Every structure is written in C-alpha cells, then in structure tokens.
Amino acid sequence: MNPKDDLSDLLQSWQPVVEPSSGFNRGVWSRIEASQTRNSEVLASLFIPFRWIQSMGRPRIAIAAAAIALFGGVLIGGVQAHSSQEERYLTSLNPLTTHRSSAHHPNH
C-alpha cells in the first residue's frame, strides 16, 4: 500500500476531541451582542440629524423652536418689506429706473 493512501485514510478517520471551555458559549454570545449593539449605534448615528424631531415632544423645546421660527419669519419678512418699500420709493422718484437696475448701475 502507498504511504500517501495510509495518510489519507488516517486523516479521514481522525476525529478531533476538543471540549470547549465552560465559558465558551457565554463568551461567543456576549461578543455577538456587543457586535449587534455597535451596529445599532452606528445605524442610530446615521439618523442624528433627525433626532431634533424626537425632541419636539418636550414642551419647552417645542415652544422654543416655535419662538425661534416666528422670530426668524418676522425678521425675514421685515427685511423683505423694507426692501420692497425702498424699491417703491425709488420708483416714485424716477419711474424709468427700478431699484434693481440702480443696484447694477450705480450712476443712476
């Protein structure tokens, strides 16, 4: 018989006898849980920009956000109204020139 065949037969018949340690299963499951926790934290970090929506459930934060939005709207509206009034005034002085064209041509 060929020694190569003997070695193959021996390797095929060999059965390893390895007993896992007493904490093996516990260690495996704790690593799996830690990995899942890290994965869920990474997934949650992708949605951090949307976390402010959840905080609107708190009355103080919702009222503060509404006040800031209202103040911002009034401020922007005031600036728009001021520029509109300024344009009407300049048009009343010279009907052929608009405020926008005078911005492009400073000599007018």
Protein backbone atom coordinates (compact mmCIF):
# COMPACT_ATOMS: atom_id res chain seq x y z
CA MET A 1 0.00 0.00 0.00
CA ASN A 2 1.13 3.53 -0.74
CA PRO A 3 2.11 5.69 2.31
CA LYS A 4 0.16 8.56 0.81
CA ASP A 5 -3.04 6.45 0.91
CA ASP A 6 -2.32 5.44 4.50
CA LEU A 7 -2.00 9.08 5.50
CA SER A 8 -5.23 9.97 3.70
CA ASP A 9 -7.07 7.10 5.41
CA LEU A 10 -5.70 8.13 8.78
CA LEU A 11 -6.71 11.79 8.28
CA GLN A 12 -10.21 10.78 7.17
CA SER A 13 -10.74 8.58 10.18
CA TRP A 14 -9.37 11.10 12.68
CA GLN A 15 -11.95 12.83 14.82
CA PRO A 16 -10.76 15.77 16.90
CA VAL A 17 -11.74 15.66 20.52
CA VAL A 18 -11.92 19.26 21.70
CA GLU A 19 -14.12 20.27 24.56
CA PRO A 20 -14.93 23.98 24.67
CA SER A 21 -14.19 25.71 27.92
CA SER A 22 -17.04 26.29 30.35
CA GLY A 23 -17.43 29.98 29.40
CA PHE A 24 -17.10 29.43 25.65
CA ASN A 25 -20.81 29.77 24.78
CA ARG A 26 -21.23 32.72 27.10
CA GLY A 27 -18.20 34.44 25.51
CA VAL A 28 -19.49 33.84 21.99
CA TRP A 29 -22.94 35.22 22.79
CA SER A 30 -21.52 38.26 24.59
CA ARG A 31 -19.38 39.07 21.52
CA ILE A 32 -22.43 38.69 19.26
CA GLU A 33 -24.48 41.00 21.49
CA ALA A 34 -21.67 43.57 21.63
CA SER A 35 -21.40 43.48 17.85
CA GLN A 36 -25.15 43.98 17.45
CA THR A 37 -25.07 46.88 19.92
CA ARG A 38 -22.27 48.56 17.97
CA ASN A 39 -24.15 48.04 14.71
CA SER A 40 -27.33 49.57 16.13
CA GLU A 41 -25.33 52.54 17.49
CA VAL A 42 -23.81 53.12 14.05
CA LEU A 43 -27.26 52.92 12.47
CA ALA A 44 -28.67 55.35 15.05
CA SER A 45 -25.80 57.77 14.44
CA LEU A 46 -26.85 57.99 10.79
CA PHE A 47 -30.16 59.49 11.90
CA ILE A 48 -28.76 62.04 14.38
CA PRO A 49 -29.82 64.96 12.15
CA PHE A 50 -33.41 63.79 12.61
CA ARG A 51 -33.09 63.45 16.39
CA TRP A 52 -34.40 67.02 16.81
CA ILE A 53 -37.80 65.78 15.64
CA GLN A 54 -37.97 63.47 18.65
CA SER A 55 -37.07 66.32 20.98
CA MET A 56 -40.14 68.28 19.77
CA GLY A 57 -42.15 66.04 22.07
CA ARG A 58 -40.87 68.08 25.01
CA PRO A 59 -42.99 71.22 25.52
CA ARG A 60 -40.13 73.57 26.42
CA ILE A 61 -38.12 72.63 23.35
CA ALA A 62 -41.17 72.80 21.07
CA ILE A 63 -42.11 76.27 22.37
CA ALA A 64 -38.53 77.50 21.99
CA ALA A 65 -38.36 76.16 18.43
CA ALA A 66 -41.68 77.82 17.56
CA ALA A 67 -40.48 81.13 19.05
CA ILE A 68 -37.24 80.98 17.07
CA ALA A 69 -39.14 80.16 13.86
CA LEU A 70 -41.59 83.01 14.49
CA PHE A 71 -38.80 85.48 15.23
CA GLY A 72 -36.91 84.35 12.11
CA GLY A 73 -40.02 84.71 9.98
CA VAL A 74 -40.75 88.20 11.31
CA LEU A 75 -37.13 89.22 10.77
CA ILE A 76 -37.03 87.93 7.19
CA GLY A 77 -40.44 89.44 6.47
CA GLY A 78 -39.30 92.80 7.82
CA VAL A 79 -36.23 92.79 5.62
CA GLN A 80 -38.33 91.87 2.59
CA ALA A 81 -40.89 94.58 3.35
CA HIS A 82 -38.16 97.17 3.87
CA SER A 83 -36.55 96.40 0.52
CA SER A 84 -39.97 96.45 -1.16
CA GLN A 85 -40.77 99.88 0.33
CA GLU A 86 -37.35 101.16 -0.69
CA GLU A 87 -37.93 99.98 -4.24
CA ARG A 88 -41.34 101.70 -4.37
CA TYR A 89 -39.79 104.92 -3.07
CA LEU A 90 -37.00 104.88 -5.66
CA THR A 91 -39.50 104.09 -8.42
CA SER A 92 -41.62 107.05 -7.31
CA LEU A 93 -38.58 109.32 -7.67
CA ASN A 94 -37.72 108.07 -11.14
CA PRO A 95 -40.36 105.82 -12.73
CA LEU A 96 -37.98 104.75 -15.51
CA THR A 97 -35.46 103.31 -13.06
CA THR A 98 -36.14 100.44 -10.73
CA HIS A 99 -34.26 99.70 -7.56
CA ARG A 100 -32.72 96.58 -9.05
CA SER A 101 -31.37 98.32 -12.11
CA SER A 102 -29.91 101.09 -9.94
CA ALA A 103 -28.08 98.42 -7.98
CA HIS A 104 -26.46 97.24 -11.18
CA HIS A 105 -25.79 100.79 -12.43
CA PRO A 106 -24.61 102.93 -9.51
CA ASN A 107 -24.61 106.11 -11.61
CA HIS A 108 -28.43 106.10 -11.98
